[in-house]
Amino acid sequence: MHIVIKLVILLSQISQDVKKMKISARNTLKATVKKVVPGAINTEVILELAPGVEVTAIITKSSADNLQLAEGKEAYAVVKATDVMVAVD
């Protein structure tokens, strides 16, 4: 529950920063690269949105190289989805 609340707060704070970037995805979260784990084909990228709030992405190795991802670098987690699901306990 706390993570969802933090993400909603982050989304409202980040919306001004995203105006500079032209992208069709509406869910764009500013983050800091916490860890980069390169593999033979794919690279795992852990982004920290806020202290203790992380998002992990698996991207191609060539994409990670092109973005020059490194720990501490500022980046964006971009979520593009056609559906949003809601769940309850």
PDB file of N, CA and C in Angstrom:
ATOM      1  N   MET A   1       0.823  -1.193   0.000  1.00  0.00           N
ATOM      2  CA  MET A   1       0.000   0.000   0.000  1.00  0.00           C
ATOM      3  C   MET A   1       0.865   1.254   0.000  1.00  0.00           C
ATOM      4  N   HIS A   2       1.939   1.263   0.793  1.00  0.00           N
ATOM      5  CA  HIS A   2       2.798   2.442   0.873  1.00  0.00           C
ATOM      6  C   HIS A   2       3.479   2.734  -0.462  1.00  0.00           C
ATOM      7  N   ILE A   3       3.865   1.681  -1.190  1.00  0.00           N
ATOM      8  CA  ILE A   3       4.543   1.882  -2.470  1.00  0.00           C
ATOM      9  C   ILE A   3       3.598   2.568  -3.447  1.00  0.00           C
ATOM     10  N   VAL A   4       2.347   2.160  -3.503  1.00  0.00           N
ATOM     11  CA  VAL A   4       1.375   2.773  -4.407  1.00  0.00           C
ATOM     12  C   VAL A   4       1.198   4.242  -4.075  1.00  0.00           C
ATOM     13  N   ILE A   5       1.082   4.558  -2.807  1.00  0.00           N
ATOM     14  CA  ILE A   5       0.926   5.952  -2.385  1.00  0.00           C
ATOM     15  C   ILE A   5       2.154   6.765  -2.772  1.00  0.00           C
ATOM     16  N   LYS A   6       3.352   6.207  -2.543  1.00  0.00           N
ATOM     17  CA  LYS A   6       4.579   6.917  -2.905  1.00  0.00           C
ATOM     18  C   LYS A   6       4.641   7.155  -4.406  1.00  0.00           C
ATOM     19  N   LEU A   7       4.233   6.153  -5.228  1.00  0.00           N
ATOM     20  CA  LEU A   7       4.267   6.319  -6.675  1.00  0.00           C
ATOM     21  C   LEU A   7       3.312   7.407  -7.129  1.00  0.00           C
ATOM     22  N   VAL A   8       2.148   7.510  -6.523  1.00  0.00           N
ATOM     23  CA  VAL A   8       1.195   8.560  -6.882  1.00  0.00           C
ATOM     24  C   VAL A   8       1.785   9.928  -6.571  1.00  0.00           C
ATOM     25  N   ILE A   9       2.413  10.052  -5.428  1.00  0.00           N
ATOM     26  CA  ILE A   9       3.061  11.316  -5.059  1.00  0.00           C
ATOM     27  C   ILE A   9       4.188  11.633  -6.026  1.00  0.00           C
ATOM     28  N   LEU A  10       5.009  10.621  -6.357  1.00  0.00           N
ATOM     29  CA  LEU A  10       6.109  10.828  -7.294  1.00  0.00           C
ATOM     30  C   LEU A  10       5.602  11.247  -8.664  1.00  0.00           C
ATOM     31  N   LEU A  11       4.528  10.625  -9.135  1.00  0.00           N
ATOM     32  CA  LEU A  11       3.987  10.987 -10.441  1.00  0.00           C
ATOM     33  C   LEU A  11       3.599  12.448 -10.505  1.00  0.00           C
ATOM     34  N   SER A  12       2.975  12.948  -9.483  1.00  0.00           N
ATOM     35  CA  SER A  12       2.565  14.343  -9.497  1.00  0.00           C
ATOM     36  C   SER A  12       3.767  15.280  -9.429  1.00  0.00           C
ATOM     37  N   GLN A  13       4.817  14.893  -8.720  1.00  0.00           N
ATOM     38  CA  GLN A  13       6.010  15.736  -8.605  1.00  0.00           C
ATOM     39  C   GLN A  13       6.835  15.715  -9.879  1.00  0.00           C
ATOM     40  N   ILE A  14       6.800  14.619 -10.615  1.00  0.00           N
ATOM     41  CA  ILE A  14       7.659  14.440 -11.775  1.00  0.00           C
ATOM     42  C   ILE A  14       7.043  15.005 -13.051  1.00  0.00           C
ATOM     43  N   SER A  15       5.763  15.219 -13.066  1.00  0.00           N
ATOM     44  CA  SER A  15       5.094  15.611 -14.300  1.00  0.00           C
ATOM     45  C   SER A  15       5.723  16.845 -14.943  1.00  0.00           C
ATOM     46  N   GLN A  16       6.230  17.764 -14.177  1.00  0.00           N
ATOM     47  CA  GLN A  16       6.863  18.958 -14.740  1.00  0.00           C
ATOM     48  C   GLN A  16       8.157  18.623 -15.465  1.00  0.00           C
ATOM     49  N   ASP A  17       8.959  17.684 -14.927  1.00  0.00           N
ATOM     50  CA  ASP A  17      10.223  17.306 -15.553  1.00  0.00           C
ATOM     51  C   ASP A  17      10.003  16.617 -16.893  1.00  0.00           C
ATOM     52  N   VAL A  18       8.934  15.873 -17.019  1.00  0.00           N
ATOM     53  CA  VAL A  18       8.684  15.076 -18.211  1.00  0.00           C
ATOM     54  C   VAL A  18       8.293  15.947 -19.398  1.00  0.00           C
ATOM     55  N   LYS A  19       7.846  17.148 -19.165  1.00  0.00           N
ATOM     56  CA  LYS A  19       7.407  18.021 -20.256  1.00  0.00           C
ATOM     57  C   LYS A  19       8.525  18.292 -21.254  1.00  0.00           C
ATOM     58  N   LYS A  20       9.781  18.193 -20.841  1.00  0.00           N
ATOM     59  CA  LYS A  20      10.910  18.408 -21.744  1.00  0.00           C
ATOM     60  C   LYS A  20      11.071  17.251 -22.719  1.00  0.00           C
ATOM     61  N   MET A  21      10.722  16.043 -22.300  1.00  0.00           N
ATOM     62  CA  MET A  21      10.883  14.849 -23.103  1.00  0.00           C
ATOM     63  C   MET A  21       9.621  14.619 -23.920  1.00  0.00           C
ATOM     64  N   LYS A  22       9.776  14.297 -25.194  1.00  0.00           N
ATOM     65  CA  LYS A  22       8.626  14.007 -26.035  1.00  0.00           C
ATOM     66  C   LYS A  22       8.502  12.492 -26.159  1.00  0.00           C
ATOM     67  N   ILE A  23       7.433  11.955 -25.550  1.00  0.00           N
ATOM     68  CA  ILE A  23       7.223  10.511 -25.534  1.00  0.00           C
ATOM     69  C   ILE A  23       5.729  10.245 -25.385  1.00  0.00           C
ATOM     70  N   SER A  24       5.253   9.159 -25.977  1.00  0.00           N
ATOM     71  CA  SER A  24       3.820   8.897 -25.945  1.00  0.00           C
ATOM     72  C   SER A  24       3.357   8.235 -24.651  1.00  0.00           C
ATOM     73  N   ALA A  25       4.245   7.571 -23.954  1.00  0.00           N
ATOM     74  CA  ALA A  25       3.865   6.897 -22.710  1.00  0.00           C
ATOM     75  C   ALA A  25       3.531   7.937 -21.645  1.00  0.00           C
ATOM     76  N   ARG A  26       2.464   7.699 -20.907  1.00  0.00           N
ATOM     77  CA  ARG A  26       2.043   8.655 -19.885  1.00  0.00           C
ATOM     78  C   ARG A  26       2.681   8.393 -18.531  1.00  0.00           C
ATOM     79  N   ASN A  27       3.132   7.175 -18.306  1.00  0.00           N
ATOM     80  CA  ASN A  27       3.701   6.814 -17.012  1.00  0.00           C
ATOM     81  C   ASN A  27       5.220   6.852 -17.086  1.00  0.00           C
ATOM     82  N   THR A  28       5.787   8.000 -16.789  1.00  0.00           N
ATOM     83  CA  THR A  28       7.221   8.202 -16.853  1.00  0.00           C
ATOM     84  C   THR A  28       7.702   8.622 -15.475  1.00  0.00           C
ATOM     85  N   LEU A  29       8.606   7.840 -14.905  1.00  0.00           N
ATOM     86  CA  LEU A  29       9.067   8.082 -13.549  1.00  0.00           C
ATOM     87  C   LEU A  29      10.560   8.404 -13.541  1.00  0.00           C
ATOM     88  N   LYS A  30      10.908   9.563 -13.041  1.00  0.00           N
ATOM     89  CA  LYS A  30      12.308   9.957 -12.947  1.00  0.00           C
ATOM     90  C   LYS A  30      12.979   9.131 -11.854  1.00  0.00           C
ATOM     91  N   ALA A  31      14.182   8.651 -12.132  1.00  0.00           N
ATOM     92  CA  ALA A  31      14.852   7.752 -11.196  1.00  0.00           C
ATOM     93  C   ALA A  31      16.357   7.909 -11.295  1.00  0.00           C
ATOM     94  N   THR A  32      17.039   7.169 -10.429  1.00  0.00           N
ATOM     95  CA  THR A  32      18.495   7.084 -10.448  1.00  0.00           C
ATOM     96  C   THR A  32      18.874   5.629 -10.669  1.00  0.00           C
ATOM     97  N   VAL A  33      19.829   5.392 -11.558  1.00  0.00           N
ATOM     98  CA  VAL A  33      20.278   4.031 -11.804  1.00  0.00           C
ATOM     99  C   VAL A  33      21.000   3.539 -10.548  1.00  0.00           C
ATOM    100  N   LYS A  34      20.469   2.464  -9.967  1.00  0.00           N
ATOM    101  CA  LYS A  34      21.059   1.904  -8.753  1.00  0.00           C
ATOM    102  C   LYS A  34      22.045   0.789  -9.079  1.00  0.00           C
ATOM    103  N   LYS A  35      21.705  -0.028 -10.089  1.00  0.00           N
ATOM    104  CA  LYS A  35      22.566  -1.153 -10.432  1.00  0.00           C
ATOM    105  C   LYS A  35      22.342  -1.547 -11.887  1.00  0.00           C
ATOM    106  N   VAL A  36      23.430  -1.927 -12.564  1.00  0.00           N
ATOM    107  CA  VAL A  36      23.369  -2.402 -13.937  1.00  0.00           C
ATOM    108  C   VAL A  36      24.041  -3.770 -13.973  1.00  0.00           C
ATOM    109  N   VAL A  37      23.292  -4.795 -14.414  1.00  0.00           N
ATOM    110  CA  VAL A  37      23.833  -6.155 -14.467  1.00  0.00           C
ATOM    111  C   VAL A  37      23.803  -6.619 -15.921  1.00  0.00           C
ATOM    112  N   PRO A  38      24.942  -6.469 -16.639  1.00  0.00           N
ATOM    113  CA  PRO A  38      24.960  -6.869 -18.043  1.00  0.00           C
ATOM    114  C   PRO A  38      25.015  -8.385 -18.200  1.00  0.00           C
ATOM    115  N   GLY A  39      24.312  -8.870 -19.218  1.00  0.00           N
ATOM    116  CA  GLY A  39      24.356 -10.275 -19.574  1.00  0.00           C
ATOM    117  C   GLY A  39      24.829 -10.397 -21.011  1.00  0.00           C
ATOM    118  N   ALA A  40      24.800 -11.590 -21.556  1.00  0.00           N
ATOM    119  CA  ALA A  40      25.251 -11.810 -22.928  1.00  0.00           C
ATOM    120  C   ALA A  40      24.351 -11.099 -23.941  1.00  0.00           C
ATOM    121  N   ILE A  41      23.042 -11.092 -23.682  1.00  0.00           N
ATOM    122  CA  ILE A  41      22.079 -10.491 -24.616  1.00  0.00           C
ATOM    123  C   ILE A  41      21.310  -9.347 -23.975  1.00  0.00           C
ATOM    124  N   ASN A  42      20.858  -9.548 -22.744  1.00  0.00           N
ATOM    125  CA  ASN A  42      20.061  -8.541 -22.033  1.00  0.00           C
ATOM    126  C   ASN A  42      20.821  -7.971 -20.849  1.00  0.00           C
ATOM    127  N   THR A  43      20.362  -6.809 -20.394  1.00  0.00           N
ATOM    128  CA  THR A  43      20.934  -6.154 -19.220  1.00  0.00           C
ATOM    129  C   THR A  43      19.813  -5.870 -18.232  1.00  0.00           C
ATOM    130  N   GLU A  44      20.037  -6.200 -16.969  1.00  0.00           N
ATOM    131  CA  GLU A  44      19.079  -5.883 -15.913  1.00  0.00           C
ATOM    132  C   GLU A  44      19.447  -4.519 -15.348  1.00  0.00           C
ATOM    133  N   VAL A  45      18.477  -3.636 -15.276  1.00  0.00           N
ATOM    134  CA  VAL A  45      18.698  -2.287 -14.770  1.00  0.00           C
ATOM    135  C   VAL A  45      17.761  -2.062 -13.586  1.00  0.00           C
ATOM    136  N   ILE A  46      18.331  -1.722 -12.439  1.00  0.00           N
ATOM    137  CA  ILE A  46      17.528  -1.415 -11.258  1.00  0.00           C
ATOM    138  C   ILE A  46      17.535   0.092 -11.088  1.00  0.00           C
ATOM    139  N   LEU A  47      16.339   0.680 -11.109  1.00  0.00           N
ATOM    140  CA  LEU A  47      16.179   2.119 -10.953  1.00  0.00           C
ATOM    141  C   LEU A  47      15.564   2.400  -9.593  1.00  0.00           C
ATOM    142  N   GLU A  48      16.099   3.402  -8.920  1.00  0.00           N
ATOM    143  CA  GLU A  48      15.553   3.803  -7.623  1.00  0.00           C
ATOM    144  C   GLU A  48      14.740   5.071  -7.811  1.00  0.00           C
ATOM    145  N   LEU A  49      13.434   4.961  -7.552  1.00  0.00           N
ATOM    146  CA  LEU A  49      12.526   6.106  -7.704  1.00  0.00           C
ATOM    147  C   LEU A  49      12.581   7.021  -6.496  1.00  0.00           C
ATOM    148  N   ALA A  50      12.728   6.419  -5.338  1.00  0.00           N
ATOM    149  CA  ALA A  50      12.833   7.112  -4.050  1.00  0.00           C
ATOM    150  C   ALA A  50      13.520   6.120  -3.116  1.00  0.00           C
ATOM    151  N   PRO A  51      14.010   6.571  -1.980  1.00  0.00           N
ATOM    152  CA  PRO A  51      14.659   5.621  -1.072  1.00  0.00           C
ATOM    153  C   PRO A  51      13.745   4.430  -0.763  1.00  0.00           C
ATOM    154  N   GLY A  52      14.214   3.243  -1.108  1.00  0.00           N
ATOM    155  CA  GLY A  52      13.465   2.029  -0.854  1.00  0.00           C
ATOM    156  C   GLY A  52      12.414   1.681  -1.895  1.00  0.00           C
ATOM    157  N   VAL A  53      12.252   2.510  -2.934  1.00  0.00           N
ATOM    158  CA  VAL A  53      11.272   2.247  -3.987  1.00  0.00           C
ATOM    159  C   VAL A  53      12.032   2.027  -5.293  1.00  0.00           C
ATOM    160  N   GLU A  54      12.018   0.781  -5.780  1.00  0.00           N
ATOM    161  CA  GLU A  54      12.798   0.417  -6.955  1.00  0.00           C
ATOM    162  C   GLU A  54      11.927  -0.195  -8.044  1.00  0.00           C
ATOM    163  N   VAL A  55      12.394  -0.035  -9.272  1.00  0.00           N
ATOM    164  CA  VAL A  55      11.784  -0.668 -10.431  1.00  0.00           C
ATOM    165  C   VAL A  55      12.913  -1.365 -11.178  1.00  0.00           C
ATOM    166  N   THR A  56      12.672  -2.610 -11.607  1.00  0.00           N
ATOM    167  CA  THR A  56      13.675  -3.353 -12.358  1.00  0.00           C
ATOM    168  C   THR A  56      13.206  -3.507 -13.794  1.00  0.00           C
ATOM    169  N   ALA A  57      14.116  -3.263 -14.728  1.00  0.00           N
ATOM    170  CA  ALA A  57      13.813  -3.419 -16.147  1.00  0.00           C
ATOM    171  C   ALA A  57      14.847  -4.338 -16.779  1.00  0.00           C
ATOM    172  N   ILE A  58      14.411  -5.132 -17.729  1.00  0.00           N
ATOM    173  CA  ILE A  58      15.300  -5.949 -18.538  1.00  0.00           C
ATOM    174  C   ILE A  58      15.271  -5.349 -19.935  1.00  0.00           C
ATOM    175  N   ILE A  59      16.422  -4.856 -20.388  1.00  0.00           N
ATOM    176  CA  ILE A  59      16.515  -4.250 -21.714  1.00  0.00           C
ATOM    177  C   ILE A  59      17.644  -4.931 -22.480  1.00  0.00           C
ATOM    178  N   THR A  60      17.695  -4.718 -23.777  1.00  0.00           N
ATOM    179  CA  THR A  60      18.765  -5.335 -24.549  1.00  0.00           C
ATOM    180  C   THR A  60      20.107  -4.743 -24.144  1.00  0.00           C
ATOM    181  N   LYS A  61      21.138  -5.544 -24.319  1.00  0.00           N
ATOM    182  CA  LYS A  61      22.491  -5.084 -23.987  1.00  0.00           C
ATOM    183  C   LYS A  61      22.863  -3.873 -24.839  1.00  0.00           C
ATOM    184  N   SER A  62      22.480  -3.908 -26.118  1.00  0.00           N
ATOM    185  CA  SER A  62      22.815  -2.786 -26.993  1.00  0.00           C
ATOM    186  C   SER A  62      22.094  -1.505 -26.565  1.00  0.00           C
ATOM    187  N   SER A  63      20.864  -1.622 -26.078  1.00  0.00           N
ATOM    188  CA  SER A  63      20.145  -0.439 -25.578  1.00  0.00           C
ATOM    189  C   SER A  63      20.836   0.135 -24.352  1.00  0.00           C
ATOM    190  N   ALA A  64      21.248  -0.733 -23.445  1.00  0.00           N
ATOM    191  CA  ALA A  64      21.954  -0.275 -22.249  1.00  0.00           C
ATOM    192  C   ALA A  64      23.256   0.420 -22.628  1.00  0.00           C
ATOM    193  N   ASP A  65      23.951  -0.136 -23.610  1.00  0.00           N
ATOM    194  CA  ASP A  65      25.205   0.480 -24.072  1.00  0.00           C
ATOM    195  C   ASP A  65      24.934   1.842 -24.712  1.00  0.00           C
ATOM    196  N   ASN A  66      23.902   1.917 -25.554  1.00  0.00           N
ATOM    197  CA  ASN A  66      23.564   3.184 -26.220  1.00  0.00           C
ATOM    198  C   ASN A  66      23.157   4.266 -25.227  1.00  0.00           C
ATOM    199  N   LEU A  67      22.473   3.867 -24.146  1.00  0.00           N
ATOM    200  CA  LEU A  67      22.049   4.830 -23.126  1.00  0.00           C
ATOM    201  C   LEU A  67      23.178   5.182 -22.156  1.00  0.00           C
ATOM    202  N   GLN A  68      24.283   4.458 -22.263  1.00  0.00           N
ATOM    203  CA  GLN A  68      25.445   4.663 -21.387  1.00  0.00           C
ATOM    204  C   GLN A  68      25.027   4.638 -19.917  1.00  0.00           C
ATOM    205  N   LEU A  69      24.262   3.603 -19.562  1.00  0.00           N
ATOM    206  CA  LEU A  69      23.767   3.477 -18.192  1.00  0.00           C
ATOM    207  C   LEU A  69      24.897   3.139 -17.236  1.00  0.00           C
ATOM    208  N   ALA A  70      24.898   3.813 -16.102  1.00  0.00           N
ATOM    209  CA  ALA A  70      25.896   3.577 -15.060  1.00  0.00           C
ATOM    210  C   ALA A  70      25.267   3.945 -13.721  1.00  0.00           C
ATOM    211  N   GLU A  71      25.759   3.327 -12.668  1.00  0.00           N
ATOM    212  CA  GLU A  71      25.238   3.622 -11.328  1.00  0.00           C
ATOM    213  C   GLU A  71      25.334   5.110 -11.042  1.00  0.00           C
ATOM    214  N   GLY A  72      24.254   5.665 -10.512  1.00  0.00           N
ATOM    215  CA  GLY A  72      24.220   7.080 -10.164  1.00  0.00           C
ATOM    216  C   GLY A  72      23.691   7.985 -11.262  1.00  0.00           C
ATOM    217  N   LYS A  73      23.582   7.460 -12.480  1.00  0.00           N
ATOM    218  CA  LYS A  73      23.094   8.283 -13.587  1.00  0.00           C
ATOM    219  C   LYS A  73      21.584   8.476 -13.475  1.00  0.00           C
ATOM    220  N   GLU A  74      21.113   9.646 -13.836  1.00  0.00           N
ATOM    221  CA  GLU A  74      19.685   9.929 -13.847  1.00  0.00           C
ATOM    222  C   GLU A  74      19.066   9.282 -15.082  1.00  0.00           C
ATOM    223  N   ALA A  75      17.905   8.659 -14.905  1.00  0.00           N
ATOM    224  CA  ALA A  75      17.216   7.994 -16.008  1.00  0.00           C
ATOM    225  C   ALA A  75      15.718   8.038 -15.728  1.00  0.00           C
ATOM    226  N   TYR A  76      14.934   7.516 -16.654  1.00  0.00           N
ATOM    227  CA  TYR A  76      13.487   7.465 -16.498  1.00  0.00           C
ATOM    228  C   TYR A  76      13.007   6.035 -16.656  1.00  0.00           C
ATOM    229  N   ALA A  77      12.075   5.637 -15.812  1.00  0.00           N
ATOM    230  CA  ALA A  77      11.353   4.385 -15.991  1.00  0.00           C
ATOM    231  C   ALA A  77      10.102   4.752 -16.774  1.00  0.00           C
ATOM    232  N   VAL A  78       9.958   4.207 -17.966  1.00  0.00           N
ATOM    233  CA  VAL A  78       8.829   4.520 -18.826  1.00  0.00           C
ATOM    234  C   VAL A  78       7.955   3.277 -18.917  1.00  0.00           C
ATOM    235  N   VAL A  79       6.708   3.405 -18.496  1.00  0.00           N
ATOM    236  CA  VAL A  79       5.784   2.278 -18.479  1.00  0.00           C
ATOM    237  C   VAL A  79       4.716   2.531 -19.527  1.00  0.00           C
ATOM    238  N   LYS A  80       4.660   1.680 -20.528  1.00  0.00           N
ATOM    239  CA  LYS A  80       3.653   1.788 -21.580  1.00  0.00           C
ATOM    240  C   LYS A  80       2.784   0.546 -21.509  1.00  0.00           C
ATOM    241  N   ALA A  81       1.518   0.720 -21.209  1.00  0.00           N
ATOM    242  CA  ALA A  81       0.612  -0.414 -21.078  1.00  0.00           C
ATOM    243  C   ALA A  81      -0.731  -0.075 -21.703  1.00  0.00           C
ATOM    244  N   THR A  82      -1.362  -1.069 -22.280  1.00  0.00           N
ATOM    245  CA  THR A  82      -2.683  -0.842 -22.857  1.00  0.00           C
ATOM    246  C   THR A  82      -3.786  -1.082 -21.839  1.00  0.00           C
ATOM    247  N   ASP A  83      -3.473  -1.747 -20.740  1.00  0.00           N
ATOM    248  CA  ASP A  83      -4.448  -2.049 -19.704  1.00  0.00           C
ATOM    249  C   ASP A  83      -3.895  -1.691 -18.328  1.00  0.00           C
ATOM    250  N   VAL A  84      -4.774  -1.311 -17.460  1.00  0.00           N
ATOM    251  CA  VAL A  84      -4.418  -1.102 -16.067  1.00  0.00           C
ATOM    252  C   VAL A  84      -5.313  -2.022 -15.248  1.00  0.00           C
ATOM    253  N   MET A  85      -4.713  -2.842 -14.422  1.00  0.00           N
ATOM    254  CA  MET A  85      -5.480  -3.784 -13.612  1.00  0.00           C
ATOM    255  C   MET A  85      -5.587  -3.277 -12.185  1.00  0.00           C
ATOM    256  N   VAL A  86      -6.677  -3.629 -11.532  1.00  0.00           N
ATOM    257  CA  VAL A  86      -6.883  -3.271 -10.133  1.00  0.00           C
ATOM    258  C   VAL A  86      -7.090  -4.569  -9.366  1.00  0.00           C
ATOM    259  N   ALA A  87      -6.454  -4.694  -8.203  1.00  0.00           N
ATOM    260  CA  ALA A  87      -6.593  -5.892  -7.383  1.00  0.00           C
ATOM    261  C   ALA A  87      -6.866  -5.491  -5.938  1.00  0.00           C
ATOM    262  N   VAL A  88      -7.530  -6.354  -5.228  1.00  0.00           N
ATOM    263  CA  VAL A  88      -7.771  -6.157  -3.800  1.00  0.00           C
ATOM    264  C   VAL A  88      -7.498  -7.464  -3.077  1.00  0.00           C
ATOM    265  N   ASP A  89      -7.225  -7.367  -1.784  1.00  0.00           N
ATOM    266  CA  ASP A  89      -7.030  -8.564  -0.964  1.00  0.00           C
ATOM    267  C   ASP A  89      -8.349  -9.031  -0.426  1.00  0.00           C
TER     268      ASP A  89
END
